[in-house]
PDB file of N, CA and C in Angstrom:
ATOM      1  N   MET A   1     119.132 110.068  84.851  1.00  0.00           N
ATOM      2  CA  MET A   1     117.824 110.065  85.425  1.00  0.00           C
ATOM      3  C   MET A   1     118.276 110.024  86.067  1.00  0.00           C
ATOM      4  N   ARG A   2     118.258 110.919  87.565  1.00  0.00           N
ATOM      5  CA  ARG A   2     118.666 111.091  89.199  1.00  0.00           C
ATOM      6  C   ARG A   2     118.329 109.992  89.873  1.00  0.00           C
ATOM      7  N   THR A   3     118.622 109.372  90.824  1.00  0.00           N
ATOM      8  CA  THR A   3     117.454 108.816  91.980  1.00  0.00           C
ATOM      9  C   THR A   3     117.303 109.137  93.617  1.00  0.00           C
ATOM     10  N   ILE A   4     116.293 109.294  93.948  1.00  0.00           N
ATOM     11  CA  ILE A   4     115.986 110.569  95.018  1.00  0.00           C
ATOM     12  C   ILE A   4     116.668 110.344  95.855  1.00  0.00           C
ATOM     13  N   GLU A   5     117.714 109.669  95.867  1.00  0.00           N
ATOM     14  CA  GLU A   5     119.270 109.870  96.798  1.00  0.00           C
ATOM     15  C   GLU A   5     120.376 110.941  96.742  1.00  0.00           C
ATOM     16  N   GLN A   6     120.091 111.215  95.112  1.00  0.00           N
ATOM     17  CA  GLN A   6     120.646 112.487  94.502  1.00  0.00           C
ATOM     18  C   GLN A   6     120.286 113.681  94.840  1.00  0.00           C
ATOM     19  N   VAL A   7     118.583 113.701  94.637  1.00  0.00           N
ATOM     20  CA  VAL A   7     117.963 114.816  94.818  1.00  0.00           C
ATOM     21  C   VAL A   7     117.650 115.266  96.529  1.00  0.00           C
ATOM     22  N   TRP A   8     116.989 114.362  96.647  1.00  0.00           N
ATOM     23  CA  TRP A   8     117.158 114.287  98.798  1.00  0.00           C
ATOM     24  C   TRP A   8     117.771 113.762  99.346  1.00  0.00           C
ATOM     25  N   PRO A   9     119.501 113.866  99.509  1.00  0.00           N
ATOM     26  CA  PRO A   9     120.642 112.886 100.150  1.00  0.00           C
ATOM     27  C   PRO A   9     119.892 111.871 101.010  1.00  0.00           C
ATOM     28  N   PHE A  10     118.756 112.868 101.744  1.00  0.00           N
ATOM     29  CA  PHE A  10     118.371 112.047 103.328  1.00  0.00           C
ATOM     30  C   PHE A  10     118.001 111.079 102.781  1.00  0.00           C
ATOM     31  N   PHE A  11     116.806 110.418 102.095  1.00  0.00           N
ATOM     32  CA  PHE A  11     116.346 109.856 101.609  1.00  0.00           C
ATOM     33  C   PHE A  11     117.611 108.164 101.250  1.00  0.00           C
ATOM     34  N   GLY A  12     118.559 108.208 101.126  1.00  0.00           N
ATOM     35  CA  GLY A  12     120.274 107.316 101.445  1.00  0.00           C
ATOM     36  C   GLY A  12     120.160 107.176 102.577  1.00  0.00           C
ATOM     37  N   LEU A  13     119.778 108.120 103.675  1.00  0.00           N
ATOM     38  CA  LEU A  13     120.478 108.243 105.403  1.00  0.00           C
ATOM     39  C   LEU A  13     119.270 106.601 106.130  1.00  0.00           C
ATOM     40  N   ARG A  14     120.590 105.734 106.355  1.00  0.00           N
ATOM     41  CA  ARG A  14     120.101 104.744 107.215  1.00  0.00           C
ATOM     42  C   ARG A  14     120.326 104.655 108.640  1.00  0.00           C
ATOM     43  N   VAL A  15     120.302 104.219 109.653  1.00  0.00           N
ATOM     44  CA  VAL A  15     120.497 104.012 110.943  1.00  0.00           C
ATOM     45  C   VAL A  15     120.057 102.323 111.086  1.00  0.00           C
ATOM     46  N   ARG A  16     120.986 101.258 111.759  1.00  0.00           N
ATOM     47  CA  ARG A  16     121.536 100.702 112.128  1.00  0.00           C
ATOM     48  C   ARG A  16     121.556 100.038 113.099  1.00  0.00           C
ATOM     49  N   SER A  17     120.855  99.118 113.968  1.00  0.00           N
ATOM     50  CA  SER A  17     121.557  98.969 115.399  1.00  0.00           C
ATOM     51  C   SER A  17     120.853  97.447 115.359  1.00  0.00           C
ATOM     52  N   GLY A  18     121.839  96.301 114.836  1.00  0.00           N
ATOM     53  CA  GLY A  18     121.488  94.813 115.159  1.00  0.00           C
ATOM     54  C   GLY A  18     120.452  94.815 113.839  1.00  0.00           C
ATOM     55  N   PRO A  19     119.669  94.688 114.140  1.00  0.00           N
ATOM     56  CA  PRO A  19     118.126  93.632 112.996  1.00  0.00           C
ATOM     57  C   PRO A  19     117.572  95.081 112.681  1.00  0.00           C
ATOM     58  N   VAL A  20     117.616  96.066 113.163  1.00  0.00           N
ATOM     59  CA  VAL A  20     116.366  97.354 113.172  1.00  0.00           C
ATOM     60  C   VAL A  20     117.203  98.130 112.480  1.00  0.00           C
ATOM     61  N   GLU A  21     116.904  98.579 111.431  1.00  0.00           N
ATOM     62  CA  GLU A  21     116.925 100.053 109.677  1.00  0.00           C
ATOM     63  C   GLU A  21     116.302 100.375 110.531  1.00  0.00           C
ATOM     64  N   LEU A  22     116.685 102.400 110.771  1.00  0.00           N
ATOM     65  CA  LEU A  22     115.013 103.456 109.861  1.00  0.00           C
ATOM     66  C   LEU A  22     115.746 103.600 108.706  1.00  0.00           C
ATOM     67  N   ARG A  23     114.930 104.298 108.407  1.00  0.00           N
ATOM     68  CA  ARG A  23     115.411 104.709 106.974  1.00  0.00           C
ATOM     69  C   ARG A  23     114.090 105.230 106.702  1.00  0.00           C
ATOM     70  N   GLY A  24     114.241 106.437 105.760  1.00  0.00           N
ATOM     71  CA  GLY A  24     112.834 107.382 105.389  1.00  0.00           C
ATOM     72  C   GLY A  24     112.226 106.224 104.349  1.00  0.00           C
ATOM     73  N   ILE A  25     110.712 106.702 103.802  1.00  0.00           N
ATOM     74  CA  ILE A  25     109.514 106.497 103.351  1.00  0.00           C
ATOM     75  C   ILE A  25     109.380 107.126 102.262  1.00  0.00           C
ATOM     76  N   CYS A  26     109.793 105.891 101.143  1.00  0.00           N
ATOM     77  CA  CYS A  26     109.391 105.750  99.976  1.00  0.00           C
ATOM     78  C   CYS A  26     108.022 105.216  99.491  1.00  0.00           C
ATOM     79  N   ASP A  27     107.414 106.073  98.615  1.00  0.00           N
ATOM     80  CA  ASP A  27     106.814 105.570  97.169  1.00  0.00           C
ATOM     81  C   ASP A  27     105.888 103.690  97.799  1.00  0.00           C
ATOM     82  N   ALA A  28     107.056 103.493  97.405  1.00  0.00           N
ATOM     83  CA  ALA A  28     107.496 102.023  96.996  1.00  0.00           C
ATOM     84  C   ALA A  28     106.872 101.387  98.764  1.00  0.00           C
ATOM     85  N   ASP A  29     107.287 102.164  99.229  1.00  0.00           N
ATOM     86  CA  ASP A  29     106.485 101.326 101.525  1.00  0.00           C
ATOM     87  C   ASP A  29     105.679 101.098 101.004  1.00  0.00           C
ATOM     88  N   LEU A  30     104.550 102.424 100.977  1.00  0.00           N
ATOM     89  CA  LEU A  30     103.485 102.671 100.805  1.00  0.00           C
ATOM     90  C   LEU A  30     102.543 101.545 100.907  1.00  0.00           C
ATOM     91  N   PRO A  31     102.236 101.008 100.468  1.00  0.00           N
ATOM     92  CA  PRO A  31     100.562  99.651 100.222  1.00  0.00           C
ATOM     93  C   PRO A  31     101.134  99.053 101.205  1.00  0.00           C
ATOM     94  N   VAL A  32     102.204  98.551 101.542  1.00  0.00           N
ATOM     95  CA  VAL A  32     103.465  97.730 102.656  1.00  0.00           C
ATOM     96  C   VAL A  32     102.663  98.388 104.175  1.00  0.00           C
ATOM     97  N   LEU A  33     103.180  99.217 104.024  1.00  0.00           N
ATOM     98  CA  LEU A  33     102.253 100.551 105.099  1.00  0.00           C
ATOM     99  C   LEU A  33     100.730 100.648 105.523  1.00  0.00           C
ATOM    100  N   ALA A  34     100.226 100.329 104.295  1.00  0.00           N
ATOM    101  CA  ALA A  34      99.150 100.777 104.142  1.00  0.00           C
ATOM    102  C   ALA A  34      98.343  99.290 105.201  1.00  0.00           C
ATOM    103  N   ASP A  35      98.809  98.137 104.308  1.00  0.00           N
ATOM    104  CA  ASP A  35      97.825  96.807 104.874  1.00  0.00           C
ATOM    105  C   ASP A  35      98.545  96.683 106.629  1.00  0.00           C
ATOM    106  N   VAL A  36      99.436  97.320 106.843  1.00  0.00           N
ATOM    107  CA  VAL A  36     100.124  97.270 108.515  1.00  0.00           C
ATOM    108  C   VAL A  36      99.209  97.433 109.113  1.00  0.00           C
ATOM    109  N   ALA A  37      98.766  98.755 109.161  1.00  0.00           N
ATOM    110  CA  ALA A  37      97.917  99.674 109.135  1.00  0.00           C
ATOM    111  C   ALA A  37      96.277  99.502 109.234  1.00  0.00           C
ATOM    112  N   VAL A  38      96.283  98.741 108.231  1.00  0.00           N
ATOM    113  CA  VAL A  38      94.631  97.697 108.094  1.00  0.00           C
ATOM    114  C   VAL A  38      93.934  96.873 109.253  1.00  0.00           C
ATOM    115  N   ALA A  39      95.498  96.166 109.012  1.00  0.00           N
ATOM    116  CA  ALA A  39      95.485  94.791 109.749  1.00  0.00           C
ATOM    117  C   ALA A  39      95.695  94.852 111.605  1.00  0.00           C
ATOM    118  N   GLY A  40      96.297  96.576 111.856  1.00  0.00           N
ATOM    119  CA  GLY A  40      95.910  96.858 113.348  1.00  0.00           C
ATOM    120  C   GLY A  40      97.835  96.766 113.964  1.00  0.00           C
ATOM    121  N   ILE A  41      97.769  98.301 114.628  1.00  0.00           N
ATOM    122  CA  ILE A  41      99.368  98.336 114.957  1.00  0.00           C
ATOM    123  C   ILE A  41      98.544  98.441 116.755  1.00  0.00           C
ATOM    124  N   HIS A  42      97.538  98.689 117.158  1.00  0.00           N
ATOM    125  CA  HIS A  42      97.403  98.685 119.362  1.00  0.00           C
ATOM    126  C   HIS A  42      96.161  97.754 119.048  1.00  0.00           C
ATOM    127  N   ASP A  43      96.588  97.377 120.192  1.00  0.00           N
ATOM    128  CA  ASP A  43      94.872  96.468 121.100  1.00  0.00           C
ATOM    129  C   ASP A  43      93.665  97.634 120.308  1.00  0.00           C
ATOM    130  N   PRO A  44      92.699  97.245 119.762  1.00  0.00           N
ATOM    131  CA  PRO A  44      91.940  98.471 119.994  1.00  0.00           C
ATOM    132  C   PRO A  44      90.334  98.937 121.660  1.00  0.00           C
ATOM    133  N   SER A  45      91.320  98.025 122.171  1.00  0.00           N
ATOM    134  CA  SER A  45      90.424  98.612 123.555  1.00  0.00           C
ATOM    135  C   SER A  45      91.136  99.906 123.930  1.00  0.00           C
ATOM    136  N   LEU A  46      91.988 100.070 123.415  1.00  0.00           N
ATOM    137  CA  LEU A  46      93.341 101.082 124.252  1.00  0.00           C
ATOM    138  C   LEU A  46      93.485 102.102 122.829  1.00  0.00           C
ATOM    139  N   MET A  47      93.698 103.623 123.326  1.00  0.00           N
ATOM    140  CA  MET A  47      94.341 105.006 121.682  1.00  0.00           C
ATOM    141  C   MET A  47      95.072 104.915 122.687  1.00  0.00           C
ATOM    142  N   PRO A  48      96.340 104.725 121.433  1.00  0.00           N
ATOM    143  CA  PRO A  48      98.209 105.518 122.222  1.00  0.00           C
ATOM    144  C   PRO A  48      97.571 106.721 121.165  1.00  0.00           C
ATOM    145  N   PHE A  49      96.482 107.140 120.226  1.00  0.00           N
ATOM    146  CA  PHE A  49      96.790 108.500 119.349  1.00  0.00           C
ATOM    147  C   PHE A  49      96.164 109.454 119.595  1.00  0.00           C
ATOM    148  N   PHE A  50      96.344 110.795 119.923  1.00  0.00           N
ATOM    149  CA  PHE A  50      95.679 112.181 119.802  1.00  0.00           C
ATOM    150  C   PHE A  50      94.930 111.730 119.385  1.00  0.00           C
ATOM    151  N   PHE A  51      94.909 112.256 117.483  1.00  0.00           N
ATOM    152  CA  PHE A  51      93.990 111.689 117.011  1.00  0.00           C
ATOM    153  C   PHE A  51      93.187 109.873 116.361  1.00  0.00           C
ATOM    154  N   PRO A  52      92.056 110.016 116.922  1.00  0.00           N
ATOM    155  CA  PRO A  52      91.831 108.114 116.336  1.00  0.00           C
ATOM    156  C   PRO A  52      91.699 107.981 114.985  1.00  0.00           C
ATOM    157  N   TRP A  53      92.649 108.309 114.615  1.00  0.00           N
ATOM    158  CA  TRP A  53      92.843 108.139 112.715  1.00  0.00           C
ATOM    159  C   TRP A  53      92.532 106.316 112.452  1.00  0.00           C
ATOM    160  N   THR A  54      93.472 105.120 113.211  1.00  0.00           N
ATOM    161  CA  THR A  54      93.187 104.063 113.466  1.00  0.00           C
ATOM    162  C   THR A  54      91.498 103.346 113.494  1.00  0.00           C
ATOM    163  N   ASP A  55      90.571 104.413 114.089  1.00  0.00           N
ATOM    164  CA  ASP A  55      89.401 103.704 114.039  1.00  0.00           C
ATOM    165  C   ASP A  55      88.644 104.385 113.385  1.00  0.00           C
ATOM    166  N   MET A  56      89.044 104.355 111.822  1.00  0.00           N
ATOM    167  CA  MET A  56      88.488 104.483 111.126  1.00  0.00           C
ATOM    168  C   MET A  56      88.387 102.857 109.933  1.00  0.00           C
ATOM    169  N   SER A  57      86.853 102.608 109.445  1.00  0.00           N
ATOM    170  CA  SER A  57      86.907 102.199 108.485  1.00  0.00           C
ATOM    171  C   SER A  57      88.277 101.557 107.623  1.00  0.00           C
ATOM    172  N   ASP A  58      88.055  99.990 107.194  1.00  0.00           N
ATOM    173  CA  ASP A  58      88.653  99.432 106.816  1.00  0.00           C
ATOM    174  C   ASP A  58      89.108 100.140 104.899  1.00  0.00           C
ATOM    175  N   ASP A  59      88.096 100.168 104.738  1.00  0.00           N
ATOM    176  CA  ASP A  59      87.911 100.921 102.989  1.00  0.00           C
ATOM    177  C   ASP A  59      88.365 102.710 103.359  1.00  0.00           C
ATOM    178  N   ASP A  60      88.795 102.578 104.594  1.00  0.00           N
ATOM    179  CA  ASP A  60      89.480 104.181 104.356  1.00  0.00           C
ATOM    180  C   ASP A  60      90.506 104.614 105.015  1.00  0.00           C
ATOM    181  N   LEU A  61      90.848 103.291 106.121  1.00  0.00           N
ATOM    182  CA  LEU A  61      92.056 103.886 106.184  1.00  0.00           C
ATOM    183  C   LEU A  61      93.089 103.971 105.343  1.00  0.00           C
ATOM    184  N   PRO A  62      93.528 103.035 104.509  1.00  0.00           N
ATOM    185  CA  PRO A  62      94.140 102.974 103.525  1.00  0.00           C
ATOM    186  C   PRO A  62      95.032 105.028 102.747  1.00  0.00           C
ATOM    187  N   LEU A  63      93.824 104.983 102.202  1.00  0.00           N
ATOM    188  CA  LEU A  63      93.613 106.065 101.846  1.00  0.00           C
ATOM    189  C   LEU A  63      93.434 107.346 102.994  1.00  0.00           C
ATOM    190  N   ASN A  64      93.653 107.116 103.446  1.00  0.00           N
ATOM    191  CA  ASN A  64      93.205 108.359 104.778  1.00  0.00           C
ATOM    192  C   ASN A  64      95.287 108.028 105.524  1.00  0.00           C
ATOM    193  N   PHE A  65      95.485 106.546 105.566  1.00  0.00           N
ATOM    194  CA  PHE A  65      96.963 106.199 105.777  1.00  0.00           C
ATOM    195  C   PHE A  65      98.194 107.269 104.796  1.00  0.00           C
ATOM    196  N   ILE A  66      97.788 106.991 103.650  1.00  0.00           N
ATOM    197  CA  ILE A  66      99.027 107.757 102.857  1.00  0.00           C
ATOM    198  C   ILE A  66      98.556 108.434 102.507  1.00  0.00           C
TER     199      ILE A  66
END
């Protein structure tokens, strides 16, 4: 069986600078990222996004985020 990196090589791309690594998001990352979104990613009194997707309820945000 092929890996996702063999099918789409860009998934294997990593950009590192010190402790920071940028890479593509895979399916296994989505539950963790949804939890981070529910926990809050910005001050609730400010809206840094054009569409206020972070204002959804904790029940609706994970599914809509993913």
